[in-house]
Protein backbone atom coordinates (compact mmCIF):
# COMPACT_ATOMS: atom_id res chain seq x y z
CA UNK A 1 -31.14 -138.17 -98.81
CA UNK A 2 -29.48 -140.25 -96.10
CA UNK A 3 -32.85 -140.66 -94.42
CA UNK A 4 -34.27 -142.22 -97.59
CA UNK A 5 -31.29 -144.59 -97.83
CA UNK A 6 -31.76 -145.59 -94.19
CA UNK A 7 -35.45 -146.27 -94.76
CA UNK A 8 -34.64 -148.38 -97.82
CA UNK A 9 -32.05 -150.36 -95.85
CA UNK A 10 -34.56 -150.95 -93.04
CA UNK A 11 -37.13 -152.06 -95.61
CA UNK A 12 -34.77 -154.73 -97.03
CA UNK A 13 -34.11 -155.96 -93.49
CA UNK A 14 -37.79 -156.00 -92.58
CA UNK A 15 -38.74 -157.94 -95.72
CA UNK A 16 -36.02 -160.48 -94.93
CA UNK A 17 -37.35 -160.90 -91.41
CA UNK A 18 -40.94 -161.29 -92.64
CA UNK A 19 -39.87 -163.92 -95.20
CA UNK A 20 -37.97 -165.81 -92.48
CA UNK A 21 -40.89 -165.72 -90.06
CA UNK A 22 -43.38 -166.77 -92.72
CA UNK A 23 -41.18 -169.63 -93.89
CA UNK A 24 -40.62 -170.85 -90.33
CA UNK A 25 -44.33 -170.67 -89.46
CA UNK A 26 -45.50 -172.32 -92.69
CA UNK A 27 -43.03 -175.15 -92.22
CA UNK A 28 -45.22 -177.02 -89.72
CA UNK A 29 -48.44 -177.36 -91.78
CA UNK A 30 -46.52 -178.08 -94.97
CA UNK A 31 -44.50 -180.77 -93.21
CA UNK A 32 -47.76 -182.37 -92.13
CA UNK A 33 -49.03 -182.22 -95.72
CA UNK A 34 -45.83 -183.66 -97.18
CA UNK A 35 -46.42 -187.15 -95.91
CA UNK A 36 -46.32 -190.15 -98.22
CA UNK A 37 -49.97 -189.57 -99.08
CA UNK A 38 -49.46 -185.96 -100.14
CA UNK A 39 -49.51 -184.84 -103.72
CA UNK A 40 -46.44 -184.22 -105.81
CA UNK A 41 -47.25 -180.52 -105.80
CA UNK A 42 -46.81 -180.23 -102.03
CA UNK A 43 -43.56 -182.18 -102.17
CA UNK A 44 -42.35 -179.93 -104.98
CA UNK A 45 -43.01 -176.91 -102.77
CA UNK A 46 -40.70 -178.44 -100.19
CA UNK A 47 -38.01 -179.55 -102.56
CA UNK A 48 -37.86 -176.45 -104.76
CA UNK A 49 -39.90 -173.67 -103.20
CA UNK A 50 -38.49 -173.53 -99.70
CA UNK A 51 -34.80 -173.38 -100.68
CA UNK A 52 -35.56 -170.64 -103.22
CA UNK A 53 -37.62 -168.71 -100.65
CA UNK A 54 -34.96 -168.98 -97.98
CA UNK A 55 -32.15 -168.01 -100.35
CA UNK A 56 -34.14 -164.95 -101.43
CA UNK A 57 -34.74 -164.00 -97.79
CA UNK A 58 -31.09 -164.60 -96.98
CA UNK A 59 -30.01 -162.38 -99.86
CA UNK A 60 -32.36 -159.61 -98.77
CA UNK A 61 -31.08 -159.93 -95.20
CA UNK A 62 -27.46 -159.60 -96.25
CA UNK A 63 -28.26 -156.59 -98.43
CA UNK A 64 -30.22 -155.00 -95.57
CA UNK A 65 -27.41 -155.71 -93.10
CA UNK A 66 -24.76 -154.18 -95.34
CA UNK A 67 -26.87 -151.12 -96.08
CA UNK A 68 -27.90 -150.67 -92.44
CA UNK A 69 -24.35 -151.01 -91.12
CA UNK A 70 -22.85 -148.34 -93.37
CA UNK A 71 -21.66 -145.21 -91.64
CA UNK A 72 -23.94 -142.75 -93.43
CA UNK A 73 -27.07 -144.90 -93.10
CA UNK A 74 -26.45 -146.52 -89.70
CA UNK A 75 -29.65 -148.02 -88.30
CA UNK A 76 -29.88 -150.23 -85.22
CA UNK A 77 -33.39 -151.32 -86.16
CA UNK A 78 -32.25 -152.35 -89.64
CA UNK A 79 -29.33 -154.34 -88.26
CA UNK A 80 -31.57 -156.19 -85.77
CA UNK A 81 -34.19 -156.98 -88.42
CA UNK A 82 -31.49 -158.18 -90.83
CA UNK A 83 -29.83 -160.45 -88.26
CA UNK A 84 -33.17 -162.00 -87.27
CA UNK A 85 -34.04 -162.51 -90.95
CA UNK A 86 -30.65 -164.04 -91.73
CA UNK A 87 -30.84 -166.46 -88.80
CA UNK A 88 -34.40 -167.56 -89.62
CA UNK A 89 -33.64 -167.99 -93.30
CA UNK A 90 -30.48 -169.97 -92.55
CA UNK A 91 -32.51 -172.21 -90.26
CA UNK A 92 -35.15 -172.79 -92.94
CA UNK A 93 -32.45 -173.40 -95.55
CA UNK A 94 -30.75 -175.99 -93.31
CA UNK A 95 -34.02 -177.79 -92.65
CA UNK A 96 -34.87 -177.69 -96.36
CA UNK A 97 -31.49 -179.19 -97.20
CA UNK A 98 -32.07 -181.93 -94.62
CA UNK A 99 -35.51 -182.67 -96.11
CA UNK A 100 -34.06 -182.67 -99.61
CA UNK A 101 -31.41 -185.13 -98.47
CA UNK A 102 -34.09 -187.39 -97.01
CA UNK A 103 -36.29 -187.05 -100.07
CA UNK A 104 -33.53 -187.81 -102.58
CA UNK A 105 -31.49 -190.47 -100.80
CA UNK A 106 -33.33 -192.04 -97.88
CA UNK A 107 -36.83 -192.25 -99.34
CA UNK A 108 -35.79 -194.19 -102.50
CA UNK A 109 -33.88 -196.67 -100.33
CA UNK A 110 -36.99 -197.25 -98.20
CA UNK A 111 -39.08 -197.79 -101.34
CA UNK A 112 -36.53 -200.26 -102.73
CA UNK A 113 -36.59 -202.31 -99.55
């Protein structure tokens, strides 16, 4: 029974890490596509999709970390995966917040000038 709980905790951590890696890797081509000439759909992915994706990955990472750090289901691999996932998702969330700040406040000022 404890082995199944440990595997489930490692799975949460691994999914969080995969989401963080995918979000960090996909950031570069989407940033290139989100220029002023890009469609509203691509900009909507940045403004709404990335924060939701990173919050979901962050939530999964925290759940995986808590489950992997418990005494009965202790797993070093799960803790490492969860920490990597949490760090990557926090990084993507911070960059998404910065882009949202630019998109909502700086870009309209540039258009007005």
